[in-house]
Amino acid sequence: MLSYLVRRFLLAVLTLFIVTLIVYGLIRFMPGTPLTMAQAAMDPSRKLSAEDVKLLEQAYGLDKPWYVAYFYWMGNVLQGDLGKSFKERRAVTEVIFTRMGPTLLLSGTSLLLTYLISVPIGLFSTVYSGKLIERGVSVVLYFLYSLPSYVAAMLLLYVFYFRLRDTVWQLKPGMVSDGFSLLSLHRQVMDVGWHLILPLFCLTYGSLAYYSRFVKANMEEAIRQDYIRTARAKGVGPVGVIWHHAFRNTLIPFVTLLGLSLPAVLGGAIILEQIFSWPGMGTLFFSSITDRDYPVIMGLTLMYSVLTLAGQLLADVLYAVVDPRVTYS
């Protein structure tokens, strides 16, 4: 196992180097620079001198070729410094950390609900496969899966924000209400939960069909195996067959989804966060690209790459946990 982890670590380091190098080159070739963005925000009557332009280029790291600037950035990263945001004039780690909480609240809760709801639905669909009630559940799930989340978000905002304006049922965009700091702790929790309802629903419903059908497909394959027929012949009840025998042997493909879901927890949902004015990571990534905030873009790219590689490694390790037959020695 140790030699396997060492090989995976070395491969991950190489992958991170290639990914960050490519992304750094791409953002440097995007139209517009932090300098042009800063000039656009200045007073039109003010004209920068050549010395000012040169100083700004040095401040933004534009005085060096992109491949040279990349190695300067990588050297700072190895020292634990992701740089400072051009727009917010704060450390990149601080900028990312302030957006991490809202994204974890939204995406983490959504992922937890998805698993808690989809697994029972998948098991239910397996038990009642081919029956009218199972087909009805499948139709509802596929309808939700085919409905784009941004369309549902706009419809829900129209109903709960515009049509129910000035009622107790009104749900406003954003994460908190005006005067949030003046509320008691209990009221603050209730206020955040009230604002969480619509974005959480839109982020969760589409995944239910995919995850539940994934569970059902693996369960149907498992219950056709010989050991399931043997368990039934020994008098094991339906619950025991489904839960203790069939479901345990479908965990290997299931943990793959769990590992690959790790980046999504902190990835945010750009469109939904924009619609609901949710101050998460997706909104930060979008605004950093728009503002050509190179340090923030690279900080987020590095974080997502690390999470993706860690998720894949986690899935491989969980293989050995759920199935003793799997070994990496």
Protein backbone atom coordinates (compact mmCIF):
# COMPACT_ATOMS: atom_id res chain seq x y z
CA MET A 1 0.00 0.00 0.00
CA LEU A 2 2.82 2.42 0.87
CA SER A 3 4.55 2.00 -2.48
CA TYR A 4 1.21 2.49 -4.24
CA LEU A 5 0.58 5.73 -2.33
CA VAL A 6 4.08 6.99 -3.17
CA ARG A 7 3.51 6.30 -6.89
CA ARG A 8 0.15 8.04 -6.79
CA PHE A 9 1.67 11.03 -5.00
CA LEU A 10 4.42 11.41 -7.60
CA LEU A 11 1.88 11.11 -10.41
CA ALA A 12 -0.32 13.71 -8.69
CA VAL A 13 2.59 16.16 -8.44
CA LEU A 14 3.30 15.76 -12.17
CA THR A 15 -0.40 16.19 -12.98
CA LEU A 16 -0.63 19.35 -10.88
CA PHE A 17 2.40 20.80 -12.62
CA ILE A 18 0.97 20.17 -16.09
CA VAL A 19 -2.53 21.42 -15.24
CA THR A 20 -1.38 24.63 -13.55
CA LEU A 21 1.16 25.34 -16.31
CA ILE A 22 -1.50 25.02 -19.02
CA VAL A 23 -4.07 27.11 -17.10
CA TYR A 24 -1.50 29.81 -16.36
CA GLY A 25 -0.61 30.03 -20.03
CA LEU A 26 -4.28 30.18 -21.05
CA ILE A 27 -5.22 32.98 -18.68
CA ARG A 28 -2.22 35.05 -19.78
CA PHE A 29 -3.42 34.76 -23.39
CA MET A 30 -6.99 35.83 -22.56
CA PRO A 31 -8.02 39.20 -24.06
CA GLY A 32 -7.53 41.93 -21.48
CA THR A 33 -5.18 42.05 -18.51
CA PRO A 34 -5.41 43.26 -14.89
CA LEU A 35 -3.78 46.46 -16.15
CA THR A 36 -6.51 47.15 -18.71
CA MET A 37 -9.15 46.36 -16.08
CA ALA A 38 -7.53 48.81 -13.67
CA GLN A 39 -7.36 51.49 -16.35
CA ALA A 40 -11.02 50.97 -17.22
CA ALA A 41 -11.94 51.63 -13.58
CA MET A 42 -9.95 54.86 -13.42
CA ASP A 43 -11.11 58.38 -14.12
CA PRO A 44 -11.22 58.75 -17.94
CA SER A 45 -9.67 62.20 -17.66
CA ARG A 46 -6.58 60.78 -15.99
CA LYS A 47 -3.86 59.48 -18.28
CA LEU A 48 -1.20 57.12 -17.01
CA SER A 49 2.41 57.98 -17.68
CA ALA A 50 4.89 55.47 -19.04
CA GLU A 51 6.43 55.14 -15.57
CA ASP A 52 3.02 54.40 -14.05
CA VAL A 53 2.33 51.75 -16.69
CA LYS A 54 5.69 50.12 -16.02
CA LEU A 55 5.08 50.09 -12.27
CA LEU A 56 1.65 48.54 -12.76
CA GLU A 57 3.08 45.89 -15.07
CA GLN A 58 5.61 44.99 -12.38
CA ALA A 59 2.88 44.90 -9.72
CA TYR A 60 0.73 42.57 -11.84
CA GLY A 61 3.67 40.45 -12.99
CA LEU A 62 3.14 41.40 -16.62
CA ASP A 63 6.73 42.51 -17.15
CA LYS A 64 7.88 38.88 -17.52
CA PRO A 65 7.00 36.22 -20.12
CA TRP A 66 4.17 33.98 -18.94
CA TYR A 67 6.36 30.88 -18.57
CA VAL A 68 8.84 32.81 -16.44
CA ALA A 69 6.06 34.33 -14.34
CA TYR A 70 4.61 30.84 -13.83
CA PHE A 71 7.77 29.60 -12.13
CA TYR A 72 7.78 32.68 -9.90
CA TRP A 73 4.19 31.82 -8.95
CA MET A 74 5.06 28.16 -8.38
CA GLY A 75 8.02 29.14 -6.20
CA ASN A 76 5.72 31.23 -4.00
CA VAL A 77 3.19 28.37 -3.82
CA LEU A 78 5.88 25.99 -2.57
CA GLN A 79 6.48 28.50 0.21
CA GLY A 80 2.77 28.54 1.08
CA ASP A 81 2.02 31.87 -0.58
CA LEU A 82 -0.75 31.93 -3.21
CA GLY A 83 -0.30 35.65 -3.78
CA LYS A 84 -2.63 38.60 -3.32
CA SER A 85 -5.88 39.26 -5.14
CA PHE A 86 -5.57 42.12 -7.63
CA LYS A 87 -9.16 43.18 -7.09
CA GLU A 88 -9.71 42.74 -3.35
CA ARG A 89 -6.13 43.56 -2.27
CA ARG A 90 -6.19 40.62 0.13
CA ALA A 91 -4.35 37.31 0.31
CA VAL A 92 -5.80 34.70 -2.06
CA THR A 93 -6.14 32.22 0.79
CA GLU A 94 -8.23 34.73 2.72
CA VAL A 95 -10.44 35.47 -0.31
CA ILE A 96 -11.04 31.76 -0.93
CA PHE A 97 -11.63 31.02 2.75
CA THR A 98 -14.38 33.65 3.04
CA ARG A 99 -16.26 32.00 0.16
CA MET A 100 -15.66 28.43 1.31
CA GLY A 101 -18.26 28.49 4.10
CA PRO A 102 -21.28 29.38 1.92
CA THR A 103 -20.26 26.83 -0.72
CA LEU A 104 -19.75 24.07 1.86
CA LEU A 105 -23.14 24.87 3.35
CA LEU A 106 -24.91 24.69 -0.01
CA SER A 107 -23.00 21.96 -1.85
CA GLY A 108 -22.26 19.84 1.22
CA THR A 109 -25.91 19.84 2.32
CA SER A 110 -26.99 19.08 -1.24
CA LEU A 111 -24.61 16.13 -1.54
CA LEU A 112 -25.69 14.75 1.85
CA LEU A 113 -29.38 15.01 0.92
CA THR A 114 -28.70 13.43 -2.46
CA TYR A 115 -27.15 10.34 -0.90
CA LEU A 116 -29.71 10.11 1.92
CA ILE A 117 -32.62 10.26 -0.52
CA SER A 118 -31.25 8.50 -3.62
CA VAL A 119 -30.08 5.33 -1.84
CA PRO A 120 -33.52 4.49 -0.36
CA ILE A 121 -35.16 5.35 -3.70
CA GLY A 122 -32.71 3.05 -5.51
CA LEU A 123 -33.38 0.22 -3.08
CA PHE A 124 -37.14 0.82 -3.28
CA SER A 125 -37.00 0.75 -7.09
CA THR A 126 -35.10 -2.53 -6.96
CA VAL A 127 -37.65 -4.21 -4.71
CA TYR A 128 -40.63 -2.98 -6.77
CA SER A 129 -38.90 -3.16 -10.17
CA GLY A 130 -41.37 -3.30 -13.06
CA LYS A 131 -44.39 -2.43 -10.92
CA LEU A 132 -46.59 0.61 -11.41
CA ILE A 133 -45.34 2.48 -8.34
CA GLU A 134 -41.69 2.05 -9.42
CA ARG A 135 -42.47 3.31 -12.91
CA GLY A 136 -44.26 6.31 -11.46
CA VAL A 137 -41.25 7.18 -9.30
CA SER A 138 -38.97 6.81 -12.34
CA VAL A 139 -41.13 9.15 -14.43
CA VAL A 140 -41.02 11.84 -11.73
CA LEU A 141 -37.26 11.49 -11.30
CA TYR A 142 -36.56 11.63 -15.03
CA PHE A 143 -38.77 14.69 -15.35
CA LEU A 144 -36.75 16.43 -12.64
CA TYR A 145 -33.49 15.27 -14.23
CA SER A 146 -34.48 16.69 -17.62
CA LEU A 147 -35.52 20.06 -16.15
CA PRO A 148 -32.51 22.43 -16.23
CA SER A 149 -31.71 23.75 -12.78
CA TYR A 150 -31.46 27.36 -13.97
CA VAL A 151 -34.96 27.15 -15.46
CA ALA A 152 -36.33 25.79 -12.19
CA ALA A 153 -34.44 28.52 -10.32
CA MET A 154 -36.04 31.28 -12.41
CA LEU A 155 -39.51 29.76 -12.01
CA LEU A 156 -39.11 29.38 -8.27
CA LEU A 157 -37.84 32.93 -7.89
CA TYR A 158 -40.80 34.19 -9.88
CA VAL A 159 -43.23 32.35 -7.61
CA PHE A 160 -41.62 32.71 -4.19
CA TYR A 161 -39.98 36.10 -4.63
CA PHE A 162 -42.25 38.10 -6.96
CA ARG A 163 -45.68 36.47 -6.68
CA LEU A 164 -45.43 35.96 -2.91
CA ARG A 165 -43.84 39.34 -2.22
CA ASP A 166 -44.57 40.80 1.23
CA THR A 167 -45.96 37.50 2.53
CA VAL A 168 -44.56 35.08 5.10
CA TRP A 169 -43.79 32.67 2.23
CA GLN A 170 -41.54 35.04 0.32
CA LEU A 171 -38.06 33.63 -0.30
CA LYS A 172 -35.46 36.23 -1.23
CA PRO A 173 -32.17 35.65 -3.06
CA GLY A 174 -28.95 36.04 -1.13
CA MET A 175 -27.65 34.21 1.91
CA VAL A 176 -28.93 36.45 4.71
CA SER A 177 -31.52 39.16 5.24
CA ASP A 178 -30.97 42.83 5.99
CA GLY A 179 -30.13 43.39 9.64
CA PHE A 180 -28.77 39.84 9.97
CA SER A 181 -26.12 40.90 12.53
CA LEU A 182 -28.82 42.24 14.86
CA LEU A 183 -30.60 38.86 15.09
CA SER A 184 -30.08 36.32 17.85
CA LEU A 185 -28.10 33.15 17.05
CA HIS A 186 -31.27 31.09 16.71
CA ARG A 187 -32.85 33.62 14.37
CA GLN A 188 -29.63 33.83 12.33
CA VAL A 189 -29.64 30.05 11.81
CA MET A 190 -33.31 30.19 10.80
CA ASP A 191 -32.65 33.08 8.45
CA VAL A 192 -29.79 31.29 6.63
CA GLY A 193 -31.88 28.11 6.43
CA TRP A 194 -34.79 30.08 4.96
CA HIS A 195 -32.55 31.53 2.25
CA LEU A 196 -31.04 28.08 1.61
CA ILE A 197 -34.30 26.42 0.58
CA LEU A 198 -34.50 27.43 -3.10
CA PRO A 199 -30.83 27.03 -4.12
CA LEU A 200 -30.61 23.76 -2.20
CA PHE A 201 -33.66 22.36 -3.96
CA CYS A 202 -32.37 23.39 -7.40
CA LEU A 203 -28.93 21.94 -6.74
CA THR A 204 -30.25 18.63 -5.39
CA TYR A 205 -33.25 17.48 -7.42
CA GLY A 206 -31.38 16.82 -10.66
CA SER A 207 -28.93 14.43 -8.98
CA LEU A 208 -31.60 12.23 -7.45
CA ALA A 209 -32.51 10.50 -10.72
CA TYR A 210 -28.89 9.79 -11.64
CA TYR A 211 -27.81 8.48 -8.23
CA SER A 212 -30.97 6.44 -7.60
CA ARG A 213 -30.82 4.80 -11.05
CA PHE A 214 -27.12 4.13 -10.45
CA VAL A 215 -27.97 2.31 -7.22
CA LYS A 216 -30.82 0.42 -8.90
CA ALA A 217 -28.68 -0.71 -11.86
CA ASN A 218 -25.94 -2.05 -9.57
CA MET A 219 -28.49 -3.68 -7.27
CA GLU A 220 -30.21 -5.48 -10.15
CA GLU A 221 -26.86 -6.84 -11.25
CA ALA A 222 -26.07 -8.00 -7.71
CA ILE A 223 -29.38 -9.77 -7.05
CA ARG A 224 -28.85 -11.96 -10.12
CA GLN A 225 -25.69 -13.45 -8.61
CA ASP A 226 -25.52 -17.00 -7.25
CA TYR A 227 -24.86 -15.94 -3.66
CA ILE A 228 -28.18 -14.08 -3.61
CA ARG A 229 -30.05 -17.18 -4.73
CA THR A 230 -28.19 -19.17 -2.07
CA ALA A 231 -29.18 -16.65 0.62
CA ARG A 232 -32.81 -16.84 -0.44
CA ALA A 233 -32.69 -20.62 -0.44
CA LYS A 234 -31.42 -20.51 3.14
CA GLY A 235 -34.49 -18.53 4.15
CA VAL A 236 -33.03 -15.03 4.36
CA GLY A 237 -35.84 -12.48 4.19
CA PRO A 238 -36.19 -9.78 1.50
CA VAL A 239 -34.76 -7.06 3.74
CA GLY A 240 -31.73 -9.18 4.62
CA VAL A 241 -31.13 -10.10 0.98
CA ILE A 242 -31.37 -6.51 -0.23
CA TRP A 243 -29.54 -4.73 2.59
CA HIS A 244 -27.00 -7.19 4.00
CA HIS A 245 -26.07 -9.10 0.86
CA ALA A 246 -26.88 -7.22 -2.34
CA PHE A 247 -26.33 -3.61 -1.25
CA ARG A 248 -22.99 -4.28 0.46
CA ASN A 249 -21.64 -5.67 -2.80
CA THR A 250 -22.68 -2.58 -4.75
CA LEU A 251 -20.58 -0.28 -2.57
CA ILE A 252 -17.48 -0.50 -4.77
CA PRO A 253 -18.93 1.44 -7.72
CA PHE A 254 -20.83 3.62 -5.25
CA VAL A 255 -17.69 4.80 -3.46
CA THR A 256 -16.33 5.88 -6.85
CA LEU A 257 -19.09 8.47 -7.00
CA LEU A 258 -18.37 9.46 -3.42
CA GLY A 259 -14.70 10.09 -4.18
CA LEU A 260 -15.37 11.97 -7.39
CA SER A 261 -17.98 14.12 -5.62
CA LEU A 262 -15.30 15.69 -3.42
CA PRO A 263 -14.37 18.47 -5.89
CA ALA A 264 -18.05 19.28 -6.42
CA VAL A 265 -18.48 20.04 -2.71
CA LEU A 266 -16.16 23.05 -3.00
CA GLY A 267 -16.63 23.69 -6.70
CA GLY A 268 -19.80 25.68 -6.29
CA ALA A 269 -22.54 26.12 -8.89
CA ILE A 270 -21.78 29.19 -10.97
CA ILE A 271 -25.18 29.68 -12.60
CA LEU A 272 -27.26 28.94 -9.50
CA GLU A 273 -25.05 31.08 -7.29
CA GLN A 274 -25.44 33.95 -9.74
CA ILE A 275 -29.23 33.57 -9.89
CA PHE A 276 -29.68 33.33 -6.13
CA SER A 277 -26.88 35.83 -5.29
CA TRP A 278 -25.19 33.15 -3.20
CA PRO A 279 -21.65 34.25 -2.20
CA GLY A 280 -19.92 30.97 -2.96
CA MET A 281 -16.91 29.62 -4.83
CA GLY A 282 -18.68 29.48 -8.18
CA THR A 283 -19.40 33.20 -8.07
CA LEU A 284 -15.80 33.86 -7.02
CA PHE A 285 -14.40 31.87 -9.94
CA PHE A 286 -16.65 33.66 -12.41
CA SER A 287 -15.80 37.12 -11.10
CA SER A 288 -12.07 36.36 -10.95
CA ILE A 289 -12.08 35.40 -14.63
CA THR A 290 -14.10 38.49 -15.54
CA ASP A 291 -11.71 40.75 -13.60
CA ARG A 292 -8.60 38.91 -14.85
CA ASP A 293 -7.61 38.30 -11.24
CA TYR A 294 -4.78 35.91 -12.04
CA PRO A 295 -3.76 34.95 -8.47
CA VAL A 296 -7.34 34.00 -7.51
CA ILE A 297 -7.84 32.02 -10.74
CA MET A 298 -4.65 30.07 -10.13
CA GLY A 299 -5.45 29.56 -6.45
CA LEU A 300 -8.85 28.11 -7.30
CA THR A 301 -7.40 25.98 -10.10
CA LEU A 302 -4.82 24.55 -7.74
CA MET A 303 -7.44 23.82 -5.10
CA TYR A 304 -9.82 22.09 -7.53
CA SER A 305 -6.98 20.05 -9.02
CA VAL A 306 -5.84 18.89 -5.58
CA LEU A 307 -9.41 17.99 -4.61
CA THR A 308 -9.94 16.02 -7.83
CA LEU A 309 -6.75 14.00 -7.35
CA ALA A 310 -7.52 13.50 -3.65
CA GLY A 311 -11.03 12.33 -4.51
CA GLN A 312 -9.69 9.74 -6.95
CA LEU A 313 -7.19 8.50 -4.37
CA LEU A 314 -9.93 8.37 -1.74
CA ALA A 315 -12.08 6.25 -4.05
CA ASP A 316 -9.20 3.82 -4.60
CA VAL A 317 -8.53 3.52 -0.86
CA LEU A 318 -12.22 2.99 -0.14
CA TYR A 319 -12.20 0.12 -2.62
CA ALA A 320 -9.92 -1.79 -0.28
CA VAL A 321 -12.09 -0.85 2.71
CA VAL A 322 -15.41 -2.10 1.29
CA ASP A 323 -13.93 -5.10 -0.53
CA PRO A 324 -11.15 -7.09 1.21
CA ARG A 325 -10.36 -8.76 -2.11
CA VAL A 326 -8.94 -5.48 -3.41
CA THR A 327 -5.30 -4.95 -2.49
CA TYR A 328 -2.62 -2.51 -3.64
CA SER A 329 0.39 -4.36 -2.25
